[in-house]
Amino acid sequence: MTPLPFVWPYALLFWAVDLWAFTPEFAIIRRARRSPSATDAKSMQVIILGMWIAYVGAFPLAWVPAFQITGHRVGALLAGVALMVSGSLLRRHCWRMLGASFTGDVRASAGQQVVTRGAYAILRHPSYTAGIVLNAGVGIALGSWASALLLIAASVAVYSHRIAVEERALLAAIGEPYERFMRTRKRLIPFLY
């Protein structure tokens, strides 16, 4: 069965949301690559390569009948698109909350303030939670449980690496205020992790 993101008129919805969600992501990547002061231990490259490999695998998996969500194809597409929109909106909220402190690469300075408002009142890394939700949405919209699992696993892996690099840099630059922030919030999932 052809995945709905490749069937008219569902393709129009999926690809329009995909373009809307990922265009700002690519702009952030372009800016981060040009930054001469990046000290992010290649975490940006890990994210790009890890997610590129996952997407190269996820799209073909969506065509495998054994991995397809067959019962509620339109519902899966709509749920996936809703997750894509939700993840992208949360990412954009995080970018606004962090302002100039949000960069595609890891940078930290001693004078940097710890942001504790918006989604950062609940989580330490809501932007990465949003990235996981966005990528999960793509897999679900593809109508493949295997694609969804692959994209979720890859997202968790690359963002876990980034979190380790970022927290190390923030602790070194900011110190006690960031340590206090870490003690009062979970990383990615409220009250759990």
N, C-alpha and C. Protein backbone atom coordinates (compact mmCIF):
# COMPACT_ATOMS: atom_id res chain seq x y z
N MET A 1 0.83 -1.18 0.00
CA MET A 1 0.00 0.00 0.00
C MET A 1 0.89 1.25 0.00
N THR A 2 0.55 2.21 -0.82
CA THR A 2 1.31 3.45 -0.89
C THR A 2 1.05 4.28 0.36
N PRO A 3 2.10 4.74 1.04
CA PRO A 3 1.90 5.61 2.21
C PRO A 3 1.15 6.89 1.81
N LEU A 4 0.27 7.34 2.67
CA LEU A 4 -0.58 8.49 2.35
C LEU A 4 0.19 9.78 2.03
N PRO A 5 1.39 10.01 2.59
CA PRO A 5 2.11 11.22 2.18
C PRO A 5 2.50 11.24 0.70
N PHE A 6 2.22 10.13 0.00
CA PHE A 6 2.51 10.04 -1.43
C PHE A 6 1.23 9.84 -2.24
N VAL A 7 0.08 10.09 -1.60
CA VAL A 7 -1.22 9.92 -2.26
C VAL A 7 -1.96 11.25 -2.20
N TRP A 8 -2.46 11.69 -3.37
CA TRP A 8 -3.23 12.93 -3.43
C TRP A 8 -4.58 12.72 -2.77
N PRO A 9 -5.14 13.58 -1.99
CA PRO A 9 -4.72 14.92 -1.61
C PRO A 9 -3.93 14.96 -0.30
N TYR A 10 -3.71 13.79 0.31
CA TYR A 10 -3.00 13.74 1.59
C TYR A 10 -1.57 14.26 1.48
N ALA A 11 -0.97 14.03 0.30
CA ALA A 11 0.41 14.49 0.07
C ALA A 11 0.52 16.00 0.25
N LEU A 12 -0.48 16.71 -0.22
CA LEU A 12 -0.46 18.17 -0.10
C LEU A 12 -0.37 18.61 1.35
N LEU A 13 -1.18 18.01 2.21
CA LEU A 13 -1.16 18.34 3.64
C LEU A 13 0.19 17.98 4.25
N PHE A 14 0.65 16.74 4.04
CA PHE A 14 1.89 16.29 4.67
C PHE A 14 3.07 17.15 4.24
N TRP A 15 3.25 17.36 2.93
CA TRP A 15 4.44 18.07 2.45
C TRP A 15 4.39 19.56 2.77
N ALA A 16 3.19 20.14 2.82
CA ALA A 16 3.08 21.55 3.22
C ALA A 16 3.50 21.72 4.68
N VAL A 17 3.03 20.83 5.56
CA VAL A 17 3.40 20.90 6.98
C VAL A 17 4.88 20.58 7.14
N ASP A 18 5.38 19.61 6.41
CA ASP A 18 6.80 19.26 6.47
C ASP A 18 7.67 20.46 6.10
N LEU A 19 7.33 21.12 5.02
CA LEU A 19 8.09 22.30 4.58
C LEU A 19 8.01 23.40 5.63
N TRP A 20 6.80 23.67 6.15
CA TRP A 20 6.62 24.69 7.18
C TRP A 20 7.43 24.37 8.44
N ALA A 21 7.44 23.09 8.84
CA ALA A 21 8.11 22.70 10.08
C ALA A 21 9.63 22.69 9.95
N PHE A 22 10.14 22.25 8.82
CA PHE A 22 11.58 22.05 8.71
C PHE A 22 12.36 23.23 8.12
N THR A 23 11.70 24.16 7.45
CA THR A 23 12.42 25.31 6.89
C THR A 23 13.19 26.09 7.96
N PRO A 24 12.59 26.43 9.11
CA PRO A 24 13.37 27.13 10.15
C PRO A 24 14.50 26.27 10.71
N GLU A 25 14.31 24.96 10.74
CA GLU A 25 15.37 24.06 11.23
C GLU A 25 16.61 24.16 10.35
N PHE A 26 16.39 24.18 9.03
CA PHE A 26 17.53 24.25 8.11
C PHE A 26 18.23 25.60 8.21
N ALA A 27 17.50 26.67 8.49
CA ALA A 27 18.11 27.99 8.67
C ALA A 27 19.03 27.98 9.89
N ILE A 28 18.61 27.32 10.95
CA ILE A 28 19.44 27.24 12.17
C ILE A 28 20.72 26.45 11.87
N ILE A 29 20.59 25.38 11.13
CA ILE A 29 21.76 24.57 10.77
C ILE A 29 22.74 25.40 9.94
N ARG A 30 22.22 26.16 8.97
CA ARG A 30 23.11 26.99 8.14
C ARG A 30 23.87 28.00 9.00
N ARG A 31 23.17 28.66 9.93
CA ARG A 31 23.84 29.66 10.79
C ARG A 31 24.87 29.01 11.70
N ALA A 32 24.56 27.84 12.23
CA ALA A 32 25.48 27.16 13.15
C ALA A 32 26.75 26.75 12.44
N ARG A 33 26.65 26.29 11.23
CA ARG A 33 27.83 25.85 10.49
C ARG A 33 28.79 27.00 10.20
N ARG A 34 28.25 28.21 10.08
CA ARG A 34 29.09 29.36 9.78
C ARG A 34 29.76 29.94 11.01
N SER A 35 29.36 29.50 12.17
CA SER A 35 29.85 30.08 13.41
C SER A 35 31.29 29.63 13.69
N PRO A 36 32.24 30.57 13.69
CA PRO A 36 33.62 30.20 13.95
C PRO A 36 33.90 29.88 15.42
N SER A 37 32.99 30.28 16.32
CA SER A 37 33.23 30.08 17.75
C SER A 37 32.56 28.82 18.29
N ALA A 38 32.08 27.98 17.41
CA ALA A 38 31.37 26.78 17.86
C ALA A 38 32.31 25.84 18.61
N THR A 39 31.89 25.47 19.80
CA THR A 39 32.65 24.51 20.62
C THR A 39 31.72 23.42 21.10
N ASP A 40 30.99 22.84 20.16
CA ASP A 40 29.95 21.91 20.57
C ASP A 40 30.34 20.45 20.40
N ALA A 41 31.63 20.16 20.37
CA ALA A 41 32.12 18.77 20.30
C ALA A 41 31.46 18.00 19.17
N LYS A 42 31.23 18.69 18.06
CA LYS A 42 30.63 18.08 16.86
C LYS A 42 29.22 17.55 17.09
N SER A 43 28.53 18.05 18.11
CA SER A 43 27.17 17.56 18.36
C SER A 43 26.22 17.93 17.23
N MET A 44 26.45 19.06 16.57
CA MET A 44 25.61 19.43 15.43
C MET A 44 25.78 18.39 14.30
N GLN A 45 27.01 17.97 14.07
CA GLN A 45 27.24 16.97 13.03
C GLN A 45 26.60 15.64 13.41
N VAL A 46 26.63 15.29 14.70
CA VAL A 46 25.99 14.05 15.16
C VAL A 46 24.49 14.12 14.90
N ILE A 47 23.88 15.26 15.18
CA ILE A 47 22.44 15.42 14.95
C ILE A 47 22.14 15.31 13.46
N ILE A 48 22.88 16.02 12.64
CA ILE A 48 22.62 16.02 11.19
C ILE A 48 22.82 14.62 10.61
N LEU A 49 23.94 13.99 10.91
CA LEU A 49 24.21 12.67 10.35
C LEU A 49 23.24 11.62 10.89
N GLY A 50 23.01 11.63 12.21
CA GLY A 50 22.11 10.65 12.81
C GLY A 50 20.71 10.74 12.26
N MET A 51 20.20 11.96 12.13
CA MET A 51 18.84 12.12 11.63
C MET A 51 18.77 11.86 10.13
N TRP A 52 19.81 12.21 9.40
CA TRP A 52 19.83 11.93 7.96
C TRP A 52 19.76 10.42 7.73
N ILE A 53 20.55 9.65 8.46
CA ILE A 53 20.52 8.19 8.34
C ILE A 53 19.14 7.66 8.72
N ALA A 54 18.55 8.18 9.79
CA ALA A 54 17.23 7.73 10.22
C ALA A 54 16.17 8.02 9.15
N TYR A 55 16.21 9.19 8.56
CA TYR A 55 15.23 9.53 7.53
C TYR A 55 15.43 8.69 6.27
N VAL A 56 16.68 8.43 5.92
CA VAL A 56 16.96 7.56 4.76
C VAL A 56 16.38 6.17 5.00
N GLY A 57 16.35 5.72 6.24
CA GLY A 57 15.75 4.42 6.57
C GLY A 57 14.25 4.49 6.74
N ALA A 58 13.74 5.58 7.32
CA ALA A 58 12.32 5.68 7.67
C ALA A 58 11.41 5.73 6.44
N PHE A 59 11.81 6.44 5.42
CA PHE A 59 10.94 6.56 4.25
C PHE A 59 10.77 5.23 3.52
N PRO A 60 11.83 4.46 3.25
CA PRO A 60 11.62 3.15 2.63
C PRO A 60 10.83 2.18 3.52
N LEU A 61 11.04 2.25 4.85
CA LEU A 61 10.29 1.37 5.75
C LEU A 61 8.79 1.60 5.65
N ALA A 62 8.39 2.82 5.32
CA ALA A 62 6.97 3.15 5.22
C ALA A 62 6.28 2.38 4.08
N TRP A 63 7.05 1.88 3.13
CA TRP A 63 6.50 1.15 1.99
C TRP A 63 6.39 -0.35 2.27
N VAL A 64 6.97 -0.82 3.38
CA VAL A 64 6.95 -2.26 3.70
C VAL A 64 5.60 -2.60 4.33
N PRO A 65 4.80 -3.46 3.67
CA PRO A 65 3.45 -3.75 4.18
C PRO A 65 3.43 -4.26 5.63
N ALA A 66 4.41 -5.04 6.01
CA ALA A 66 4.42 -5.60 7.37
C ALA A 66 4.58 -4.52 8.44
N PHE A 67 5.11 -3.36 8.08
CA PHE A 67 5.35 -2.29 9.04
C PHE A 67 4.30 -1.19 8.99
N GLN A 68 3.34 -1.31 8.10
CA GLN A 68 2.36 -0.24 7.91
C GLN A 68 1.24 -0.31 8.95
N ILE A 69 0.76 0.86 9.30
CA ILE A 69 -0.43 0.98 10.14
C ILE A 69 -1.60 0.90 9.18
N THR A 70 -2.32 -0.20 9.19
CA THR A 70 -3.33 -0.41 8.16
C THR A 70 -4.74 -0.07 8.59
N GLY A 71 -5.05 -0.14 9.86
CA GLY A 71 -6.42 0.04 10.31
C GLY A 71 -6.97 1.44 10.17
N HIS A 72 -6.19 2.43 10.50
CA HIS A 72 -6.67 3.82 10.53
C HIS A 72 -5.65 4.71 9.84
N ARG A 73 -5.48 4.52 8.55
CA ARG A 73 -4.43 5.24 7.81
C ARG A 73 -4.61 6.75 7.85
N VAL A 74 -5.81 7.22 7.61
CA VAL A 74 -6.05 8.67 7.61
C VAL A 74 -5.86 9.22 9.03
N GLY A 75 -6.33 8.49 10.02
CA GLY A 75 -6.15 8.91 11.41
C GLY A 75 -4.68 8.99 11.79
N ALA A 76 -3.89 8.01 11.33
CA ALA A 76 -2.44 8.02 11.61
C ALA A 76 -1.80 9.23 10.93
N LEU A 77 -2.18 9.50 9.69
CA LEU A 77 -1.63 10.66 8.99
C LEU A 77 -1.97 11.94 9.73
N LEU A 78 -3.22 12.09 10.11
CA LEU A 78 -3.64 13.31 10.80
C LEU A 78 -2.98 13.44 12.18
N ALA A 79 -2.86 12.34 12.90
CA ALA A 79 -2.17 12.38 14.20
C ALA A 79 -0.70 12.75 14.01
N GLY A 80 -0.07 12.17 13.00
CA GLY A 80 1.33 12.49 12.71
C GLY A 80 1.53 13.95 12.35
N VAL A 81 0.65 14.47 11.50
CA VAL A 81 0.73 15.88 11.11
C VAL A 81 0.50 16.77 12.33
N ALA A 82 -0.45 16.39 13.20
CA ALA A 82 -0.68 17.17 14.42
C ALA A 82 0.56 17.18 15.30
N LEU A 83 1.25 16.04 15.40
CA LEU A 83 2.50 16.00 16.18
C LEU A 83 3.58 16.86 15.53
N MET A 84 3.66 16.83 14.21
CA MET A 84 4.63 17.67 13.51
C MET A 84 4.39 19.14 13.82
N VAL A 85 3.14 19.56 13.75
CA VAL A 85 2.79 20.96 14.03
C VAL A 85 3.10 21.29 15.49
N SER A 86 2.70 20.40 16.40
CA SER A 86 2.94 20.63 17.83
C SER A 86 4.42 20.72 18.14
N GLY A 87 5.20 19.80 17.60
CA GLY A 87 6.65 19.83 17.82
C GLY A 87 7.28 21.09 17.28
N SER A 88 6.88 21.50 16.08
CA SER A 88 7.44 22.71 15.50
C SER A 88 7.03 23.96 16.27
N LEU A 89 5.79 24.02 16.72
CA LEU A 89 5.35 25.18 17.52
C LEU A 89 6.10 25.25 18.85
N LEU A 90 6.32 24.10 19.48
CA LEU A 90 7.09 24.10 20.73
C LEU A 90 8.53 24.53 20.47
N ARG A 91 9.13 24.06 19.38
CA ARG A 91 10.49 24.49 19.04
C ARG A 91 10.54 26.01 18.87
N ARG A 92 9.59 26.55 18.15
CA ARG A 92 9.58 27.99 17.91
C ARG A 92 9.38 28.77 19.21
N HIS A 93 8.55 28.23 20.10
CA HIS A 93 8.38 28.84 21.42
C HIS A 93 9.73 28.86 22.15
N CYS A 94 10.45 27.76 22.11
CA CYS A 94 11.75 27.67 22.79
C CYS A 94 12.74 28.67 22.21
N TRP A 95 12.73 28.82 20.90
CA TRP A 95 13.62 29.78 20.27
C TRP A 95 13.32 31.19 20.76
N ARG A 96 12.03 31.50 20.90
CA ARG A 96 11.64 32.84 21.40
C ARG A 96 12.06 33.02 22.86
N MET A 97 11.87 31.99 23.67
CA MET A 97 12.21 32.10 25.09
C MET A 97 13.72 32.31 25.26
N LEU A 98 14.52 31.61 24.50
CA LEU A 98 15.98 31.73 24.64
C LEU A 98 16.54 32.96 23.95
N GLY A 99 15.86 33.47 22.95
CA GLY A 99 16.33 34.65 22.24
C GLY A 99 17.72 34.44 21.65
N ALA A 100 18.63 35.36 21.93
CA ALA A 100 19.98 35.28 21.38
C ALA A 100 20.77 34.10 21.92
N SER A 101 20.33 33.52 23.03
CA SER A 101 21.03 32.36 23.58
C SER A 101 20.77 31.09 22.79
N PHE A 102 19.74 31.11 21.91
CA PHE A 102 19.48 29.92 21.10
C PHE A 102 20.36 29.95 19.87
N THR A 103 21.19 28.94 19.76
CA THR A 103 22.06 28.78 18.59
C THR A 103 21.98 27.32 18.16
N GLY A 104 22.32 27.06 16.94
CA GLY A 104 22.31 25.68 16.46
C GLY A 104 23.44 24.85 17.02
N ASP A 105 24.49 25.51 17.41
CA ASP A 105 25.64 24.84 18.01
C ASP A 105 25.69 25.17 19.49
N VAL A 106 26.50 24.47 20.23
CA VAL A 106 26.59 24.69 21.68
C VAL A 106 27.57 25.83 21.95
N ARG A 107 27.03 26.86 22.59
CA ARG A 107 27.84 28.00 23.02
C ARG A 107 27.36 28.41 24.39
N ALA A 108 28.26 28.76 25.25
CA ALA A 108 27.90 29.23 26.59
C ALA A 108 28.91 30.28 27.02
N SER A 109 28.41 31.29 27.75
CA SER A 109 29.30 32.33 28.25
C SER A 109 28.97 32.58 29.72
N ALA A 110 29.93 33.10 30.43
CA ALA A 110 29.78 33.30 31.87
C ALA A 110 28.62 34.24 32.20
N GLY A 111 28.36 35.22 31.37
CA GLY A 111 27.30 36.18 31.64
C GLY A 111 25.92 35.72 31.17
N GLN A 112 25.85 34.56 30.61
CA GLN A 112 24.59 34.06 30.06
C GLN A 112 23.58 33.78 31.17
N GLN A 113 22.34 34.20 30.96
CA GLN A 113 21.29 33.96 31.95
C GLN A 113 20.64 32.61 31.72
N VAL A 114 20.23 31.98 32.80
CA VAL A 114 19.48 30.73 32.71
C VAL A 114 18.01 31.11 32.53
N VAL A 115 17.41 30.66 31.44
CA VAL A 115 16.01 30.96 31.14
C VAL A 115 15.12 29.99 31.90
N THR A 116 14.17 30.54 32.66
CA THR A 116 13.30 29.70 33.49
C THR A 116 11.83 29.97 33.22
N ARG A 117 11.53 30.61 32.11
CA ARG A 117 10.13 30.92 31.79
C ARG A 117 9.67 30.07 30.60
N GLY A 118 8.36 30.11 30.37
CA GLY A 118 7.80 29.33 29.26
C GLY A 118 8.00 27.84 29.51
N ALA A 119 8.32 27.12 28.46
CA ALA A 119 8.53 25.67 28.57
C ALA A 119 9.73 25.35 29.46
N TYR A 120 10.64 26.30 29.63
CA TYR A 120 11.82 26.08 30.48
C TYR A 120 11.47 26.12 31.97
N ALA A 121 10.24 26.47 32.29
CA ALA A 121 9.78 26.39 33.68
C ALA A 121 9.49 24.93 34.04
N ILE A 122 9.33 24.10 33.03
CA ILE A 122 8.97 22.69 33.23
C ILE A 122 10.12 21.74 32.93
N LEU A 123 10.86 22.00 31.85
CA LEU A 123 11.92 21.10 31.38
C LEU A 123 13.22 21.86 31.16
N ARG A 124 14.33 21.11 31.22
CA ARG A 124 15.63 21.70 30.92
C ARG A 124 15.85 21.85 29.42
N HIS A 125 15.32 20.91 28.64
CA HIS A 125 15.57 20.90 27.19
C HIS A 125 14.28 20.70 26.40
N PRO A 126 13.30 21.59 26.55
CA PRO A 126 12.04 21.39 25.83
C PRO A 126 12.19 21.46 24.31
N SER A 127 13.21 22.15 23.84
CA SER A 127 13.43 22.23 22.40
C SER A 127 13.77 20.85 21.82
N TYR A 128 14.49 20.04 22.59
CA TYR A 128 14.83 18.69 22.12
C TYR A 128 13.62 17.76 22.26
N THR A 129 12.81 17.98 23.28
CA THR A 129 11.54 17.25 23.38
C THR A 129 10.70 17.55 22.13
N ALA A 130 10.66 18.80 21.74
CA ALA A 130 9.91 19.21 20.56
C ALA A 130 10.47 18.54 19.30
N GLY A 131 11.80 18.44 19.20
CA GLY A 131 12.40 17.78 18.05
C GLY A 131 12.01 16.31 17.98
N ILE A 132 11.96 15.65 19.12
CA ILE A 132 11.56 14.24 19.17
C ILE A 132 10.10 14.11 18.74
N VAL A 133 9.23 15.00 19.24
CA VAL A 133 7.81 14.98 18.88
C VAL A 133 7.64 15.22 17.37
N LEU A 134 8.37 16.18 16.84
CA LEU A 134 8.31 16.49 15.42
C LEU A 134 8.70 15.29 14.57
N ASN A 135 9.81 14.65 14.92
CA ASN A 135 10.28 13.49 14.15
C ASN A 135 9.35 12.29 14.32
N ALA A 136 8.81 12.10 15.51
CA ALA A 136 7.84 11.02 15.72
C ALA A 136 6.62 11.26 14.84
N GLY A 137 6.21 12.51 14.73
CA GLY A 137 5.08 12.85 13.89
C GLY A 137 5.29 12.47 12.44
N VAL A 138 6.50 12.68 11.94
CA VAL A 138 6.80 12.30 10.56
C VAL A 138 6.63 10.80 10.39
N GLY A 139 7.18 10.01 11.32
CA GLY A 139 7.07 8.56 11.22
C GLY A 139 5.63 8.08 11.28
N ILE A 140 4.84 8.67 12.17
CA ILE A 140 3.43 8.28 12.29
C ILE A 140 2.67 8.70 11.04
N ALA A 141 2.93 9.91 10.54
CA ALA A 141 2.26 10.37 9.32
C ALA A 141 2.60 9.48 8.12
N LEU A 142 3.80 8.91 8.12
CA LEU A 142 4.16 7.98 7.05
C LEU A 142 3.33 6.69 7.12
N GLY A 143 2.67 6.49 8.24
CA GLY A 143 1.81 5.32 8.39
C GLY A 143 2.58 4.05 8.68
N SER A 144 3.73 4.19 9.34
CA SER A 144 4.58 3.04 9.61
C SER A 144 5.06 3.08 11.05
N TRP A 145 4.73 2.04 11.79
CA TRP A 145 5.20 1.98 13.17
C TRP A 145 6.72 1.83 13.20
N ALA A 146 7.30 1.15 12.22
CA ALA A 146 8.76 0.98 12.18
C ALA A 146 9.45 2.32 11.89
N SER A 147 8.88 3.10 10.97
CA SER A 147 9.43 4.43 10.68
C SER A 147 9.36 5.32 11.91
N ALA A 148 8.22 5.28 12.61
CA ALA A 148 8.06 6.09 13.81
C ALA A 148 9.08 5.68 14.88
N LEU A 149 9.23 4.37 15.11
CA LEU A 149 10.20 3.91 16.12
C LEU A 149 11.63 4.29 15.74
N LEU A 150 11.98 4.16 14.47
CA LEU A 150 13.32 4.52 14.02
C LEU A 150 13.59 6.01 14.25
N LEU A 151 12.64 6.85 13.87
CA LEU A 151 12.84 8.29 14.03
C LEU A 151 12.85 8.71 15.49
N ILE A 152 12.05 8.06 16.32
CA ILE A 152 12.07 8.36 17.76
C ILE A 152 13.39 7.93 18.37
N ALA A 153 13.84 6.71 18.05
CA ALA A 153 15.10 6.20 18.61
C ALA A 153 16.27 7.07 18.18
N ALA A 154 16.32 7.44 16.91
CA ALA A 154 17.42 8.29 16.43
C ALA A 154 17.38 9.66 17.09
N SER A 155 16.18 10.23 17.24
CA SER A 155 16.05 11.54 17.88
C SER A 155 16.53 11.50 19.32
N VAL A 156 16.10 10.49 20.06
CA VAL A 156 16.52 10.36 21.46
C VAL A 156 18.04 10.19 21.53
N ALA A 157 18.61 9.40 20.64
CA ALA A 157 20.06 9.17 20.67
C ALA A 157 20.85 10.45 20.37
N VAL A 158 20.49 11.15 19.29
CA VAL A 158 21.28 12.34 18.94
C VAL A 158 21.06 13.47 19.94
N TYR A 159 19.83 13.62 20.43
CA TYR A 159 19.60 14.69 21.40
C TYR A 159 20.20 14.35 22.77
N SER A 160 20.29 13.09 23.12
CA SER A 160 20.96 12.72 24.38
C SER A 160 22.43 13.09 24.32
N HIS A 161 23.05 12.86 23.17
CA HIS A 161 24.45 13.27 22.99
C HIS A 161 24.57 14.79 23.12
N ARG A 162 23.68 15.51 22.44
CA ARG A 162 23.71 16.97 22.48
C ARG A 162 23.50 17.48 23.91
N ILE A 163 22.57 16.88 24.64
CA ILE A 163 22.29 17.30 26.01
C ILE A 163 23.54 17.16 26.88
N ALA A 164 24.24 16.05 26.74
CA ALA A 164 25.45 15.83 27.53
C ALA A 164 26.49 16.91 27.23
N VAL A 165 26.69 17.21 25.96
CA VAL A 165 27.66 18.24 25.56
C VAL A 165 27.21 19.60 26.06
N GLU A 166 25.94 19.92 25.87
CA GLU A 166 25.41 21.23 26.25
C GLU A 166 25.45 21.46 27.76
N GLU A 167 25.05 20.44 28.52
CA GLU A 167 25.05 20.62 29.97
C GLU A 167 26.47 20.76 30.52
N ARG A 168 27.40 20.05 29.94
CA ARG A 168 28.80 20.19 30.34
C ARG A 168 29.28 21.62 30.08
N ALA A 169 28.96 22.15 28.91
CA ALA A 169 29.38 23.52 28.56
C ALA A 169 28.70 24.56 29.44
N LEU A 170 27.41 24.38 29.70
CA LEU A 170 26.68 25.35 30.53
C LEU A 170 27.15 25.31 31.98
N LEU A 171 27.42 24.13 32.49
CA LEU A 171 27.95 24.04 33.86
C LEU A 171 29.31 24.71 33.98
N ALA A 172 30.15 24.50 32.97
CA ALA A 172 31.49 25.11 33.00
C ALA A 172 31.41 26.63 32.91
N ALA A 173 30.51 27.15 32.09
CA ALA A 173 30.44 28.60 31.88
C ALA A 173 29.61 29.31 32.95
N ILE A 174 28.47 28.76 33.32
CA ILE A 174 27.54 29.45 34.21
C ILE A 174 27.70 29.00 35.66
N GLY A 175 27.97 27.71 35.85
CA GLY A 175 28.20 27.20 37.20
C GLY A 175 26.95 26.96 38.01
N GLU A 176 26.96 27.46 39.24
CA GLU A 176 25.92 27.16 40.22
C GLU A 176 24.50 27.50 39.77
N PRO A 177 24.25 28.63 39.11
CA PRO A 177 22.87 28.89 38.66
C PRO A 177 22.34 27.80 37.72
N TYR A 178 23.19 27.29 36.84
CA TYR A 178 22.72 26.23 35.96
C TYR A 178 22.59 24.90 36.71
N GLU A 179 23.46 24.67 37.67
CA GLU A 179 23.37 23.46 38.49
C GLU A 179 22.04 23.46 39.26
N ARG A 180 21.64 24.60 39.79
CA ARG A 180 20.37 24.73 40.50
C ARG A 180 19.20 24.48 39.54
N PHE A 181 19.30 25.02 38.33
CA PHE A 181 18.29 24.81 37.30
C PHE A 181 18.15 23.32 36.98
N MET A 182 19.28 22.63 36.89
CA MET A 182 19.27 21.19 36.59
C MET A 182 18.58 20.38 37.69
N ARG A 183 18.79 20.77 38.91
CA ARG A 183 18.20 20.03 40.05
C ARG A 183 16.67 20.15 40.10
N THR A 184 16.12 21.19 39.51
CA THR A 184 14.68 21.45 39.66
C THR A 184 13.84 21.06 38.44
N ARG A 185 14.47 20.48 37.40
CA ARG A 185 13.74 20.13 36.19
C ARG A 185 14.28 18.85 35.58
N LYS A 186 13.39 18.09 34.97
CA LYS A 186 13.80 16.91 34.21
C LYS A 186 14.29 17.36 32.84
N ARG A 187 15.02 16.47 32.17
CA ARG A 187 15.59 16.83 30.86
C ARG A 187 14.54 16.96 29.75
N LEU A 188 13.81 15.87 29.48
CA LEU A 188 12.97 15.82 28.28
C LEU A 188 11.48 15.56 28.53
N ILE A 189 11.17 14.79 29.57
CA ILE A 189 9.79 14.40 29.84
C ILE A 189 9.42 14.88 31.25
N PRO A 190 8.41 15.73 31.36
CA PRO A 190 8.05 16.25 32.69
C PRO A 190 7.85 15.14 33.72
N PHE A 191 8.46 15.31 34.87
CA PHE A 191 8.34 14.42 36.04
C PHE A 191 8.97 13.03 35.85
N LEU A 192 9.48 12.69 34.67
CA LEU A 192 10.04 11.36 34.42
C LEU A 192 11.52 11.37 34.09
N TYR A 193 11.90 12.08 33.02
CA TYR A 193 13.30 12.05 32.58
C TYR A 193 13.70 13.41 32.08
